[in-house]
Amino acid sequence: PRGLRGMSSAVAPEGNQGKWGKLLQFLADRFYDVEALREYLFQKQ
């Protein structure tokens, strides 16, 4: 359940984040857990 939040906190410090770090933060801001992300991806599929 904390996979998104955990990974977003593990990215490089601010100012040195790449596009994937920004993506992790983007997802973490909009999904509270992995199940929500799964449901979104299922609906998209």
PDB file of all heavy atoms in Angstrom:
ATOM      1  N   PRO A   1       0.790  -1.233   0.000  1.00  0.00           N
ATOM      2  CA  PRO A   1       0.000   0.000   0.000  1.00  0.00           C
ATOM      3  C   PRO A   1       0.814   1.269   0.000  1.00  0.00           C
ATOM      4  O   PRO A   1       0.352   2.300  -0.444  1.00  0.00           O
ATOM      5  CB  PRO A   1      -0.836  -0.132   1.294  1.00  0.00           C
ATOM      6  CG  PRO A   1      -0.871  -1.605   1.576  1.00  0.00           C
ATOM      7  CD  PRO A   1       0.438  -2.128   1.102  1.00  0.00           C
ATOM      8  N   ARG A   2       2.052   1.200   0.519  1.00  0.00           N
ATOM      9  CA  ARG A   2       2.849   2.424   0.589  1.00  0.00           C
ATOM     10  C   ARG A   2       3.906   2.482  -0.495  1.00  0.00           C
ATOM     11  O   ARG A   2       4.837   3.276  -0.422  1.00  0.00           O
ATOM     12  CB  ARG A   2       3.511   2.531   1.956  1.00  0.00           C
ATOM     13  CG  ARG A   2       2.490   2.661   3.100  1.00  0.00           C
ATOM     14  CD  ARG A   2       3.174   2.879   4.428  1.00  0.00           C
ATOM     15  NE  ARG A   2       2.223   3.028   5.511  1.00  0.00           N
ATOM     16  CZ  ARG A   2       2.555   3.244   6.781  1.00  0.00           C
ATOM     17  NH1 ARG A   2       3.849   3.321   7.104  1.00  0.00           N
ATOM     18  NH2 ARG A   2       1.629   3.374   7.703  1.00  0.00           N
ATOM     19  N   GLY A   3       3.725   1.639  -1.502  1.00  0.00           N
ATOM     20  CA  GLY A   3       4.745   1.568  -2.541  1.00  0.00           C
ATOM     21  C   GLY A   3       4.950   2.882  -3.253  1.00  0.00           C
ATOM     22  O   GLY A   3       6.074   3.331  -3.473  1.00  0.00           O
ATOM     23  N   LEU A   4       3.882   3.564  -3.584  1.00  0.00           N
ATOM     24  CA  LEU A   4       4.016   4.826  -4.319  1.00  0.00           C
ATOM     25  C   LEU A   4       4.659   5.895  -3.459  1.00  0.00           C
ATOM     26  O   LEU A   4       5.562   6.612  -3.882  1.00  0.00           O
ATOM     27  CB  LEU A   4       2.637   5.290  -4.800  1.00  0.00           C
ATOM     28  CG  LEU A   4       1.981   4.413  -5.856  1.00  0.00           C
ATOM     29  CD1 LEU A   4       0.569   4.898  -6.116  1.00  0.00           C
ATOM     30  CD2 LEU A   4       2.786   4.435  -7.125  1.00  0.00           C
ATOM     31  N   ARG A   5       4.172   6.005  -2.204  1.00  0.00           N
ATOM     32  CA  ARG A   5       4.723   7.026  -1.323  1.00  0.00           C
ATOM     33  C   ARG A   5       6.189   6.747  -1.019  1.00  0.00           C
ATOM     34  O   ARG A   5       7.023   7.647  -1.003  1.00  0.00           O
ATOM     35  CB  ARG A   5       3.926   7.063  -0.018  1.00  0.00           C
ATOM     36  CG  ARG A   5       2.459   7.440  -0.228  1.00  0.00           C
ATOM     37  CD  ARG A   5       2.307   8.892  -0.537  1.00  0.00           C
ATOM     38  NE  ARG A   5       0.891   9.221  -0.759  1.00  0.00           N
ATOM     39  CZ  ARG A   5       0.459  10.423  -1.073  1.00  0.00           C
ATOM     40  NH1 ARG A   5       1.338  11.409  -1.231  1.00  0.00           N
ATOM     41  NH2 ARG A   5      -0.809  10.654  -1.261  1.00  0.00           N
ATOM     42  N   GLY A   6       6.482   5.450  -0.780  1.00  0.00           N
ATOM     43  CA  GLY A   6       7.853   5.099  -0.451  1.00  0.00           C
ATOM     44  C   GLY A   6       8.812   5.396  -1.571  1.00  0.00           C
ATOM     45  O   GLY A   6       9.905   5.906  -1.363  1.00  0.00           O
ATOM     46  N   MET A   7       8.401   5.073  -2.786  1.00  0.00           N
ATOM     47  CA  MET A   7       9.286   5.314  -3.913  1.00  0.00           C
ATOM     48  C   MET A   7       9.437   6.791  -4.197  1.00  0.00           C
ATOM     49  O   MET A   7      10.482   7.267  -4.593  1.00  0.00           O
ATOM     50  CB  MET A   7       8.762   4.588  -5.154  1.00  0.00           C
ATOM     51  CG  MET A   7       8.889   3.072  -5.067  1.00  0.00           C
ATOM     52  SD  MET A   7       8.579   2.294  -6.640  1.00  0.00           S
ATOM     53  CE  MET A   7      10.057   2.796  -7.521  1.00  0.00           C
ATOM     54  N   SER A   8       8.358   7.552  -3.986  1.00  0.00           N
ATOM     55  CA  SER A   8       8.453   8.979  -4.260  1.00  0.00           C
ATOM     56  C   SER A   8       9.401   9.662  -3.285  1.00  0.00           C
ATOM     57  O   SER A   8      10.035  10.653  -3.615  1.00  0.00           O
ATOM     58  CB  SER A   8       7.064   9.619  -4.172  1.00  0.00           C
ATOM     59  OG  SER A   8       6.546   9.504  -2.855  1.00  0.00           O
ATOM     60  N   SER A   9       9.499   9.115  -2.081  1.00  0.00           N
ATOM     61  CA  SER A   9      10.415   9.725  -1.119  1.00  0.00           C
ATOM     62  C   SER A   9      11.851   9.295  -1.336  1.00  0.00           C
ATOM     63  O   SER A   9      12.771   9.850  -0.746  1.00  0.00           O
ATOM     64  CB  SER A   9       9.981   9.351   0.307  1.00  0.00           C
ATOM     65  OG  SER A   9      10.048   7.947   0.487  1.00  0.00           O
ATOM     66  N   ALA A  10      12.033   8.270  -2.182  1.00  0.00           N
ATOM     67  CA  ALA A  10      13.384   7.757  -2.396  1.00  0.00           C
ATOM     68  C   ALA A  10      14.064   8.353  -3.607  1.00  0.00           C
ATOM     69  O   ALA A  10      15.190   7.999  -3.911  1.00  0.00           O
ATOM     70  CB  ALA A  10      13.326   6.225  -2.548  1.00  0.00           C
ATOM     71  N   VAL A  11      13.406   9.250  -4.295  1.00  0.00           N
ATOM     72  CA  VAL A  11      14.009   9.823  -5.483  1.00  0.00           C
ATOM     73  C   VAL A  11      15.079  10.827  -5.112  1.00  0.00           C
ATOM     74  O   VAL A  11      15.233  11.208  -3.956  1.00  0.00           O
ATOM     75  CB  VAL A  11      12.926  10.491  -6.365  1.00  0.00           C
ATOM     76  CG1 VAL A  11      11.932   9.448  -6.832  1.00  0.00           C
ATOM     77  CG2 VAL A  11      12.229  11.598  -5.617  1.00  0.00           C
ATOM     78  N   ALA A  12      15.789  11.299  -6.106  1.00  0.00           N
ATOM     79  CA  ALA A  12      16.899  12.215  -5.861  1.00  0.00           C
ATOM     80  C   ALA A  12      16.397  13.522  -5.264  1.00  0.00           C
ATOM     81  O   ALA A  12      15.234  13.872  -5.387  1.00  0.00           O
ATOM     82  CB  ALA A  12      17.617  12.480  -7.180  1.00  0.00           C
ATOM     83  N   PRO A  13      17.261  14.245  -4.589  1.00  0.00           N
ATOM     84  CA  PRO A  13      16.865  15.513  -3.976  1.00  0.00           C
ATOM     85  C   PRO A  13      16.302  16.481  -5.008  1.00  0.00           C
ATOM     86  O   PRO A  13      16.570  16.371  -6.198  1.00  0.00           O
ATOM     87  CB  PRO A  13      18.186  16.024  -3.383  1.00  0.00           C
ATOM     88  CG  PRO A  13      19.038  14.807  -3.226  1.00  0.00           C
ATOM     89  CD  PRO A  13      18.649  13.903  -4.348  1.00  0.00           C
ATOM     90  N   GLU A  14      15.529  17.456  -4.477  1.00  0.00           N
ATOM     91  CA  GLU A  14      14.886  18.443  -5.349  1.00  0.00           C
ATOM     92  C   GLU A  14      15.945  19.204  -6.128  1.00  0.00           C
ATOM     93  O   GLU A  14      16.990  19.558  -5.613  1.00  0.00           O
ATOM     94  CB  GLU A  14      14.065  19.402  -4.499  1.00  0.00           C
ATOM     95  CG  GLU A  14      13.270  20.391  -5.325  1.00  0.00           C
ATOM     96  CD  GLU A  14      12.405  21.262  -4.453  1.00  0.00           C
ATOM     97  OE1 GLU A  14      12.394  21.058  -3.232  1.00  0.00           O
ATOM     98  OE2 GLU A  14      11.747  22.159  -4.999  1.00  0.00           O
ATOM     99  N   GLY A  15      15.664  19.462  -7.370  1.00  0.00           N
ATOM    100  CA  GLY A  15      16.600  20.142  -8.237  1.00  0.00           C
ATOM    101  C   GLY A  15      17.421  19.180  -9.045  1.00  0.00           C
ATOM    102  O   GLY A  15      18.059  19.569 -10.007  1.00  0.00           O
ATOM    103  N   ASN A  16      17.434  17.905  -8.612  1.00  0.00           N
ATOM    104  CA  ASN A  16      18.214  16.912  -9.327  1.00  0.00           C
ATOM    105  C   ASN A  16      17.343  15.732  -9.776  1.00  0.00           C
ATOM    106  O   ASN A  16      17.837  14.675 -10.101  1.00  0.00           O
ATOM    107  CB  ASN A  16      19.343  16.406  -8.427  1.00  0.00           C
ATOM    108  CG  ASN A  16      20.373  15.599  -9.207  1.00  0.00           C
ATOM    109  OD1 ASN A  16      20.605  15.885 -10.383  1.00  0.00           O
ATOM    110  ND2 ASN A  16      20.957  14.598  -8.562  1.00  0.00           N
ATOM    111  N   GLN A  17      16.026  15.946  -9.726  1.00  0.00           N
ATOM    112  CA  GLN A  17      15.116  14.875 -10.106  1.00  0.00           C
ATOM    113  C   GLN A  17      14.994  14.797 -11.614  1.00  0.00           C
ATOM    114  O   GLN A  17      14.840  15.798 -12.284  1.00  0.00           O
ATOM    115  CB  GLN A  17      13.731  15.107  -9.499  1.00  0.00           C
ATOM    116  CG  GLN A  17      13.716  14.992  -7.985  1.00  0.00           C
ATOM    117  CD  GLN A  17      12.314  15.207  -7.445  1.00  0.00           C
ATOM    118  OE1 GLN A  17      11.443  15.651  -8.184  1.00  0.00           O
ATOM    119  NE2 GLN A  17      12.109  14.896  -6.191  1.00  0.00           N
ATOM    120  N   GLY A  18      15.026  13.585 -12.137  1.00  0.00           N
ATOM    121  CA  GLY A  18      14.784  13.361 -13.550  1.00  0.00           C
ATOM    122  C   GLY A  18      13.306  13.209 -13.821  1.00  0.00           C
ATOM    123  O   GLY A  18      12.460  13.399 -12.942  1.00  0.00           O
ATOM    124  N   LYS A  19      13.003  12.832 -15.046  1.00  0.00           N
ATOM    125  CA  LYS A  19      11.591  12.727 -15.417  1.00  0.00           C
ATOM    126  C   LYS A  19      10.883  11.616 -14.648  1.00  0.00           C
ATOM    127  O   LYS A  19       9.693  11.722 -14.349  1.00  0.00           O
ATOM    128  CB  LYS A  19      11.456  12.486 -16.916  1.00  0.00           C
ATOM    129  CG  LYS A  19      12.073  11.186 -17.406  1.00  0.00           C
ATOM    130  CD  LYS A  19      11.848  11.014 -18.899  1.00  0.00           C
ATOM    131  CE  LYS A  19      12.438   9.704 -19.405  1.00  0.00           C
ATOM    132  NZ  LYS A  19      12.213   9.523 -20.850  1.00  0.00           N
ATOM    133  N   TRP A  20      11.635  10.536 -14.267  1.00  0.00           N
ATOM    134  CA  TRP A  20      10.983   9.462 -13.538  1.00  0.00           C
ATOM    135  C   TRP A  20      10.701   9.871 -12.102  1.00  0.00           C
ATOM    136  O   TRP A  20       9.686   9.467 -11.522  1.00  0.00           O
ATOM    137  CB  TRP A  20      11.843   8.192 -13.580  1.00  0.00           C
ATOM    138  CG  TRP A  20      11.979   7.645 -14.958  1.00  0.00           C
ATOM    139  CD1 TRP A  20      13.117   7.515 -15.695  1.00  0.00           C
ATOM    140  CD2 TRP A  20      10.919   7.181 -15.798  1.00  0.00           C
ATOM    141  NE1 TRP A  20      12.839   7.005 -16.936  1.00  0.00           N
ATOM    142  CE2 TRP A  20      11.502   6.779 -17.025  1.00  0.00           C
ATOM    143  CE3 TRP A  20       9.551   7.059 -15.641  1.00  0.00           C
ATOM    144  CZ2 TRP A  20      10.755   6.276 -18.081  1.00  0.00           C
ATOM    145  CZ3 TRP A  20       8.790   6.553 -16.682  1.00  0.00           C
ATOM    146  CH2 TRP A  20       9.391   6.172 -17.887  1.00  0.00           C
ATOM    147  N   GLY A  21      11.583  10.664 -11.527  1.00  0.00           N
ATOM    148  CA  GLY A  21      11.314  11.166 -10.189  1.00  0.00           C
ATOM    149  C   GLY A  21      10.075  12.035 -10.165  1.00  0.00           C
ATOM    150  O   GLY A  21       9.239  11.944  -9.254  1.00  0.00           O
ATOM    151  N   LYS A  22       9.930  12.871 -11.175  1.00  0.00           N
ATOM    152  CA  LYS A  22       8.729  13.707 -11.258  1.00  0.00           C
ATOM    153  C   LYS A  22       7.486  12.856 -11.478  1.00  0.00           C
ATOM    154  O   LYS A  22       6.416  13.160 -10.945  1.00  0.00           O
ATOM    155  CB  LYS A  22       8.895  14.716 -12.385  1.00  0.00           C
ATOM    156  CG  LYS A  22      10.003  15.739 -12.138  1.00  0.00           C
ATOM    157  CD  LYS A  22      10.138  16.699 -13.305  1.00  0.00           C
ATOM    158  CE  LYS A  22      11.256  17.705 -13.055  1.00  0.00           C
ATOM    159  NZ  LYS A  22      11.427  18.643 -14.205  1.00  0.00           N
ATOM    160  N   LEU A  23       7.645  11.785 -12.252  1.00  0.00           N
ATOM    161  CA  LEU A  23       6.503  10.908 -12.493  1.00  0.00           C
ATOM    162  C   LEU A  23       6.073  10.229 -11.203  1.00  0.00           C
ATOM    163  O   LEU A  23       4.883  10.122 -10.898  1.00  0.00           O
ATOM    164  CB  LEU A  23       6.860   9.861 -13.548  1.00  0.00           C
ATOM    165  CG  LEU A  23       5.815   8.747 -13.758  1.00  0.00           C
ATOM    166  CD1 LEU A  23       4.485   9.326 -14.229  1.00  0.00           C
ATOM    167  CD2 LEU A  23       6.325   7.729 -14.755  1.00  0.00           C
ATOM    168  N   LEU A  24       7.049   9.752 -10.404  1.00  0.00           N
ATOM    169  CA  LEU A  24       6.724   9.123  -9.130  1.00  0.00           C
ATOM    170  C   LEU A  24       5.958  10.077  -8.226  1.00  0.00           C
ATOM    171  O   LEU A  24       4.976   9.704  -7.591  1.00  0.00           O
ATOM    172  CB  LEU A  24       8.011   8.656  -8.441  1.00  0.00           C
ATOM    173  CG  LEU A  24       8.709   7.442  -9.061  1.00  0.00           C
ATOM    174  CD1 LEU A  24      10.069   7.241  -8.406  1.00  0.00           C
ATOM    175  CD2 LEU A  24       7.857   6.203  -8.889  1.00  0.00           C
ATOM    176  N   GLN A  25       6.398  11.306  -8.170  1.00  0.00           N
ATOM    177  CA  GLN A  25       5.718  12.290  -7.348  1.00  0.00           C
ATOM    178  C   GLN A  25       4.328  12.573  -7.885  1.00  0.00           C
ATOM    179  O   GLN A  25       3.357  12.706  -7.133  1.00  0.00           O
ATOM    180  CB  GLN A  25       6.535  13.587  -7.296  1.00  0.00           C
ATOM    181  CG  GLN A  25       5.982  14.612  -6.317  1.00  0.00           C
ATOM    182  CD  GLN A  25       6.028  14.097  -4.896  1.00  0.00           C
ATOM    183  OE1 GLN A  25       7.064  13.642  -4.432  1.00  0.00           O
ATOM    184  NE2 GLN A  25       4.889  14.125  -4.214  1.00  0.00           N
ATOM    185  N   PHE A  26       4.206  12.618  -9.211  1.00  0.00           N
ATOM    186  CA  PHE A  26       2.917  12.855  -9.863  1.00  0.00           C
ATOM    187  C   PHE A  26       1.918  11.765  -9.492  1.00  0.00           C
ATOM    188  O   PHE A  26       0.775  12.032  -9.127  1.00  0.00           O
ATOM    189  CB  PHE A  26       3.127  12.892 -11.379  1.00  0.00           C
ATOM    190  CG  PHE A  26       1.864  13.081 -12.179  1.00  0.00           C
ATOM    191  CD1 PHE A  26       1.345  14.345 -12.381  1.00  0.00           C
ATOM    192  CD2 PHE A  26       1.217  11.993 -12.733  1.00  0.00           C
ATOM    193  CE1 PHE A  26       0.185  14.521 -13.122  1.00  0.00           C
ATOM    194  CE2 PHE A  26       0.059  12.155 -13.466  1.00  0.00           C
ATOM    195  CZ  PHE A  26      -0.459  13.429 -13.665  1.00  0.00           C
ATOM    196  N   LEU A  27       2.376  10.492  -9.554  1.00  0.00           N
ATOM    197  CA  LEU A  27       1.497   9.381  -9.220  1.00  0.00           C
ATOM    198  C   LEU A  27       1.162   9.359  -7.738  1.00  0.00           C
ATOM    199  O   LEU A  27       0.026   9.100  -7.349  1.00  0.00           O
ATOM    200  CB  LEU A  27       2.156   8.060  -9.629  1.00  0.00           C
ATOM    201  CG  LEU A  27       2.323   7.820 -11.130  1.00  0.00           C
ATOM    202  CD1 LEU A  27       3.125   6.551 -11.366  1.00  0.00           C
ATOM    203  CD2 LEU A  27       0.973   7.736 -11.813  1.00  0.00           C
ATOM    204  N   ALA A  28       2.159   9.628  -6.911  1.00  0.00           N
ATOM    205  CA  ALA A  28       1.927   9.604  -5.468  1.00  0.00           C
ATOM    206  C   ALA A  28       0.928  10.673  -5.038  1.00  0.00           C
ATOM    207  O   ALA A  28       0.182  10.488  -4.082  1.00  0.00           O
ATOM    208  CB  ALA A  28       3.249   9.795  -4.729  1.00  0.00           C
ATOM    209  N   ASP A  29       0.887  11.782  -5.740  1.00  0.00           N
ATOM    210  CA  ASP A  29      -0.046  12.856  -5.404  1.00  0.00           C
ATOM    211  C   ASP A  29      -1.482  12.506  -5.772  1.00  0.00           C
ATOM    212  O   ASP A  29      -2.417  13.105  -5.250  1.00  0.00           O
ATOM    213  CB  ASP A  29       0.356  14.147  -6.123  1.00  0.00           C
ATOM    214  CG  ASP A  29       1.630  14.744  -5.539  1.00  0.00           C
ATOM    215  OD1 ASP A  29       1.999  14.344  -4.409  1.00  0.00           O
ATOM    216  OD2 ASP A  29       2.251  15.571  -6.221  1.00  0.00           O
ATOM    217  N   ARG A  30      -1.644  11.542  -6.673  1.00  0.00           N
ATOM    218  CA  ARG A  30      -2.986  11.259  -7.185  1.00  0.00           C
ATOM    219  C   ARG A  30      -3.504   9.876  -6.815  1.00  0.00           C
ATOM    220  O   ARG A  30      -4.678   9.605  -6.958  1.00  0.00           O
ATOM    221  CB  ARG A  30      -2.999  11.431  -8.705  1.00  0.00           C
ATOM    222  CG  ARG A  30      -2.954  12.906  -9.071  1.00  0.00           C
ATOM    223  CD  ARG A  30      -2.416  13.136 -10.469  1.00  0.00           C
ATOM    224  NE  ARG A  30      -2.426  14.555 -10.784  1.00  0.00           N
ATOM    225  CZ  ARG A  30      -1.511  15.425 -10.362  1.00  0.00           C
ATOM    226  NH1 ARG A  30      -0.520  15.006  -9.586  1.00  0.00           N
ATOM    227  NH2 ARG A  30      -1.601  16.708 -10.673  1.00  0.00           N
ATOM    228  N   PHE A  31      -2.636   8.989  -6.365  1.00  0.00           N
ATOM    229  CA  PHE A  31      -3.055   7.657  -5.953  1.00  0.00           C
ATOM    230  C   PHE A  31      -2.557   7.410  -4.534  1.00  0.00           C
ATOM    231  O   PHE A  31      -1.389   7.586  -4.236  1.00  0.00           O
ATOM    232  CB  PHE A  31      -2.473   6.585  -6.894  1.00  0.00           C
ATOM    233  CG  PHE A  31      -2.992   6.682  -8.307  1.00  0.00           C
ATOM    234  CD1 PHE A  31      -2.171   7.174  -9.314  1.00  0.00           C
ATOM    235  CD2 PHE A  31      -4.272   6.293  -8.623  1.00  0.00           C
ATOM    236  CE1 PHE A  31      -2.632   7.272 -10.611  1.00  0.00           C
ATOM    237  CE2 PHE A  31      -4.740   6.380  -9.922  1.00  0.00           C
ATOM    238  CZ  PHE A  31      -3.928   6.869 -10.914  1.00  0.00           C
ATOM    239  N   TYR A  32      -3.452   6.952  -3.675  1.00  0.00           N
ATOM    240  CA  TYR A  32      -3.091   6.746  -2.281  1.00  0.00           C
ATOM    241  C   TYR A  32      -2.522   5.359  -2.016  1.00  0.00           C
ATOM    242  O   TYR A  32      -1.878   5.139  -1.004  1.00  0.00           O
ATOM    243  CB  TYR A  32      -4.315   6.975  -1.388  1.00  0.00           C
ATOM    244  CG  TYR A  32      -4.743   8.416  -1.383  1.00  0.00           C
ATOM    245  CD1 TYR A  32      -5.804   8.836  -2.160  1.00  0.00           C
ATOM    246  CD2 TYR A  32      -4.054   9.364  -0.626  1.00  0.00           C
ATOM    247  CE1 TYR A  32      -6.202  10.162  -2.176  1.00  0.00           C
ATOM    248  CE2 TYR A  32      -4.438  10.697  -0.641  1.00  0.00           C
ATOM    249  CZ  TYR A  32      -5.509  11.095  -1.414  1.00  0.00           C
ATOM    250  OH  TYR A  32      -5.886  12.403  -1.438  1.00  0.00           O
ATOM    251  N   ASP A  33      -2.769   4.415  -2.908  1.00  0.00           N
ATOM    252  CA  ASP A  33      -2.204   3.086  -2.722  1.00  0.00           C
ATOM    253  C   ASP A  33      -2.103   2.391  -4.074  1.00  0.00           C
ATOM    254  O   ASP A  33      -2.578   2.880  -5.090  1.00  0.00           O
ATOM    255  CB  ASP A  33      -3.034   2.260  -1.745  1.00  0.00           C
ATOM    256  CG  ASP A  33      -4.500   2.200  -2.146  1.00  0.00           C
ATOM    257  OD1 ASP A  33      -4.777   2.073  -3.364  1.00  0.00           O
ATOM    258  OD2 ASP A  33      -5.361   2.272  -1.258  1.00  0.00           O
ATOM    259  N   VAL A  34      -1.486   1.230  -4.048  1.00  0.00           N
ATOM    260  CA  VAL A  34      -1.264   0.487  -5.274  1.00  0.00           C
ATOM    261  C   VAL A  34      -2.585  -0.001  -5.870  1.00  0.00           C
ATOM    262  O   VAL A  34      -2.739  -0.066  -7.087  1.00  0.00           O
ATOM    263  CB  VAL A  34      -0.314  -0.705  -5.005  1.00  0.00           C
ATOM    264  CG1 VAL A  34      -0.219  -1.621  -6.221  1.00  0.00           C
ATOM    265  CG2 VAL A  34       1.068  -0.186  -4.639  1.00  0.00           C
ATOM    266  N   GLU A  35      -3.555  -0.327  -5.009  1.00  0.00           N
ATOM    267  CA  GLU A  35      -4.839  -0.810  -5.520  1.00  0.00           C
ATOM    268  C   GLU A  35      -5.528   0.243  -6.380  1.00  0.00           C
ATOM    269  O   GLU A  35      -6.158  -0.076  -7.386  1.00  0.00           O
ATOM    270  CB  GLU A  35      -5.747  -1.220  -4.352  1.00  0.00           C
ATOM    271  CG  GLU A  35      -5.302  -2.488  -3.633  1.00  0.00           C
ATOM    272  CD  GLU A  35      -5.207  -3.669  -4.573  1.00  0.00           C
ATOM    273  OE1 GLU A  35      -6.067  -3.786  -5.457  1.00  0.00           O
ATOM    274  OE2 GLU A  35      -4.263  -4.461  -4.422  1.00  0.00           O
ATOM    275  N   ALA A  36      -5.430   1.492  -5.979  1.00  0.00           N
ATOM    276  CA  ALA A  36      -6.028   2.557  -6.780  1.00  0.00           C
ATOM    277  C   ALA A  36      -5.352   2.650  -8.138  1.00  0.00           C
ATOM    278  O   ALA A  36      -6.008   2.854  -9.165  1.00  0.00           O
ATOM    279  CB  ALA A  36      -5.931   3.891  -6.042  1.00  0.00           C
ATOM    280  N   LEU A  37      -4.028   2.487  -8.154  1.00  0.00           N
ATOM    281  CA  LEU A  37      -3.308   2.511  -9.420  1.00  0.00           C
ATOM    282  C   LEU A  37      -3.694   1.323 -10.288  1.00  0.00           C
ATOM    283  O   LEU A  37      -3.879   1.451 -11.500  1.00  0.00           O
ATOM    284  CB  LEU A  37      -1.804   2.516  -9.150  1.00  0.00           C
ATOM    285  CG  LEU A  37      -0.898   2.473 -10.394  1.00  0.00           C
ATOM    286  CD1 LEU A  37      -1.167   3.672 -11.291  1.00  0.00           C
ATOM    287  CD2 LEU A  37       0.565   2.429  -9.983  1.00  0.00           C
ATOM    288  N   ARG A  38      -3.829   0.152  -9.670  1.00  0.00           N
ATOM    289  CA  ARG A  38      -4.240  -1.028 -10.416  1.00  0.00           C
ATOM    290  C   ARG A  38      -5.608  -0.819 -11.063  1.00  0.00           C
ATOM    291  O   ARG A  38      -5.830  -1.175 -12.222  1.00  0.00           O
ATOM    292  CB  ARG A  38      -4.283  -2.243  -9.494  1.00  0.00           C
ATOM    293  CG  ARG A  38      -2.923  -2.818  -9.127  1.00  0.00           C
ATOM    294  CD  ARG A  38      -3.084  -3.991  -8.186  1.00  0.00           C
ATOM    295  NE  ARG A  38      -1.808  -4.631  -7.909  1.00  0.00           N
ATOM    296  CZ  ARG A  38      -1.657  -5.630  -7.050  1.00  0.00           C
ATOM    297  NH1 ARG A  38      -2.688  -6.073  -6.373  1.00  0.00           N
ATOM    298  NH2 ARG A  38      -0.463  -6.171  -6.867  1.00  0.00           N
ATOM    299  N   GLU A  39      -6.528  -0.291 -10.300  1.00  0.00           N
ATOM    300  CA  GLU A  39      -7.875  -0.070 -10.829  1.00  0.00           C
ATOM    301  C   GLU A  39      -7.849   0.915 -11.991  1.00  0.00           C
ATOM    302  O   GLU A  39      -8.523   0.718 -13.001  1.00  0.00           O
ATOM    303  CB  GLU A  39      -8.778   0.466  -9.714  1.00  0.00           C
ATOM    304  CG  GLU A  39     -10.205   0.798 -10.157  1.00  0.00           C
ATOM    305  CD  GLU A  39     -10.967  -0.409 -10.666  1.00  0.00           C
ATOM    306  OE1 GLU A  39     -10.596  -1.553 -10.318  1.00  0.00           O
ATOM    307  OE2 GLU A  39     -11.934  -0.207 -11.430  1.00  0.00           O
ATOM    308  N   TYR A  40      -7.050   1.959 -11.854  1.00  0.00           N
ATOM    309  CA  TYR A  40      -6.930   2.923 -12.944  1.00  0.00           C
ATOM    310  C   TYR A  40      -6.364   2.270 -14.200  1.00  0.00           C
ATOM    311  O   TYR A  40      -6.872   2.457 -15.302  1.00  0.00           O
ATOM    312  CB  TYR A  40      -6.037   4.088 -12.513  1.00  0.00           C
ATOM    313  CG  TYR A  40      -5.506   4.875 -13.676  1.00  0.00           C
ATOM    314  CD1 TYR A  40      -6.358   5.674 -14.438  1.00  0.00           C
ATOM    315  CD2 TYR A  40      -4.159   4.796 -14.039  1.00  0.00           C
ATOM    316  CE1 TYR A  40      -5.868   6.384 -15.528  1.00  0.00           C
ATOM    317  CE2 TYR A  40      -3.677   5.504 -15.122  1.00  0.00           C
ATOM    318  CZ  TYR A  40      -4.542   6.299 -15.862  1.00  0.00           C
ATOM    319  OH  TYR A  40      -4.070   6.982 -16.945  1.00  0.00           O
ATOM    320  N   LEU A  41      -5.297   1.464 -14.034  1.00  0.00           N
ATOM    321  CA  LEU A  41      -4.677   0.812 -15.182  1.00  0.00           C
ATOM    322  C   LEU A  41      -5.622  -0.201 -15.816  1.00  0.00           C
ATOM    323  O   LEU A  41      -5.649  -0.355 -17.038  1.00  0.00           O
ATOM    324  CB  LEU A  41      -3.380   0.129 -14.761  1.00  0.00           C
ATOM    325  CG  LEU A  41      -2.250   1.075 -14.336  1.00  0.00           C
ATOM    326  CD1 LEU A  41      -1.068   0.284 -13.790  1.00  0.00           C
ATOM    327  CD2 LEU A  41      -1.822   1.949 -15.502  1.00  0.00           C
ATOM    328  N   PHE A  42      -6.417  -0.895 -14.983  1.00  0.00           N
ATOM    329  CA  PHE A  42      -7.393  -1.849 -15.518  1.00  0.00           C
ATOM    330  C   PHE A  42      -8.429  -1.116 -16.361  1.00  0.00           C
ATOM    331  O   PHE A  42      -8.778  -1.557 -17.468  1.00  0.00           O
ATOM    332  CB  PHE A  42      -8.064  -2.598 -14.368  1.00  0.00           C
ATOM    333  CG  PHE A  42      -9.180  -3.485 -14.820  1.00  0.00           C
ATOM    334  CD1 PHE A  42      -8.914  -4.701 -15.429  1.00  0.00           C
ATOM    335  CD2 PHE A  42     -10.503  -3.111 -14.627  1.00  0.00           C
ATOM    336  CE1 PHE A  42      -9.951  -5.528 -15.852  1.00  0.00           C
ATOM    337  CE2 PHE A  42     -11.543  -3.921 -15.045  1.00  0.00           C
ATOM    338  CZ  PHE A  42     -11.265  -5.140 -15.655  1.00  0.00           C
ATOM    339  N   GLN A  43      -8.943  -0.015 -15.848  1.00  0.00           N
ATOM    340  CA  GLN A  43      -9.937   0.750 -16.598  1.00  0.00           C
ATOM    341  C   GLN A  43      -9.341   1.301 -17.891  1.00  0.00           C
ATOM    342  O   GLN A  43     -10.022   1.347 -18.924  1.00  0.00           O
ATOM    343  CB  GLN A  43     -10.486   1.890 -15.732  1.00  0.00           C
ATOM    344  CG  GLN A  43     -11.292   1.421 -14.538  1.00  0.00           C
ATOM    345  CD  GLN A  43     -12.522   0.615 -14.929  1.00  0.00           C
ATOM    346  OE1 GLN A  43     -13.110   0.822 -16.002  1.00  0.00           O
ATOM    347  NE2 GLN A  43     -12.928  -0.298 -14.074  1.00  0.00           N
ATOM    348  N   LYS A  44      -8.098   1.692 -17.837  1.00  0.00           N
ATOM    349  CA  LYS A  44      -7.433   2.204 -19.035  1.00  0.00           C
ATOM    350  C   LYS A  44      -7.281   1.099 -20.075  1.00  0.00           C
ATOM    351  O   LYS A  44      -7.494   1.313 -21.274  1.00  0.00           O
ATOM    352  CB  LYS A  44      -6.066   2.777 -18.665  1.00  0.00           C
ATOM    353  CG  LYS A  44      -5.362   3.514 -19.806  1.00  0.00           C
ATOM    354  CD  LYS A  44      -4.062   4.110 -19.318  1.00  0.00           C
ATOM    355  CE  LYS A  44      -3.361   4.872 -20.452  1.00  0.00           C
ATOM    356  NZ  LYS A  44      -4.111   6.062 -20.870  1.00  0.00           N
ATOM    357  N   GLN A  45      -6.929  -0.104 -19.603  1.00  0.00           N
ATOM    358  CA  GLN A  45      -6.796  -1.239 -20.511  1.00  0.00           C
ATOM    359  C   GLN A  45      -8.137  -1.597 -21.142  1.00  0.00           C
ATOM    360  O   GLN A  45      -8.221  -1.859 -22.343  1.00  0.00           O
ATOM    361  CB  GLN A  45      -6.232  -2.445 -19.768  1.00  0.00           C
ATOM    362  CG  GLN A  45      -6.042  -3.674 -20.653  1.00  0.00           C
ATOM    363  CD  GLN A  45      -5.600  -4.887 -19.870  1.00  0.00           C
ATOM    364  OE1 GLN A  45      -5.896  -5.000 -18.684  1.00  0.00           O
ATOM    365  NE2 GLN A  45      -4.902  -5.796 -20.528  1.00  0.00           N
TER     366      GLN A  45
END
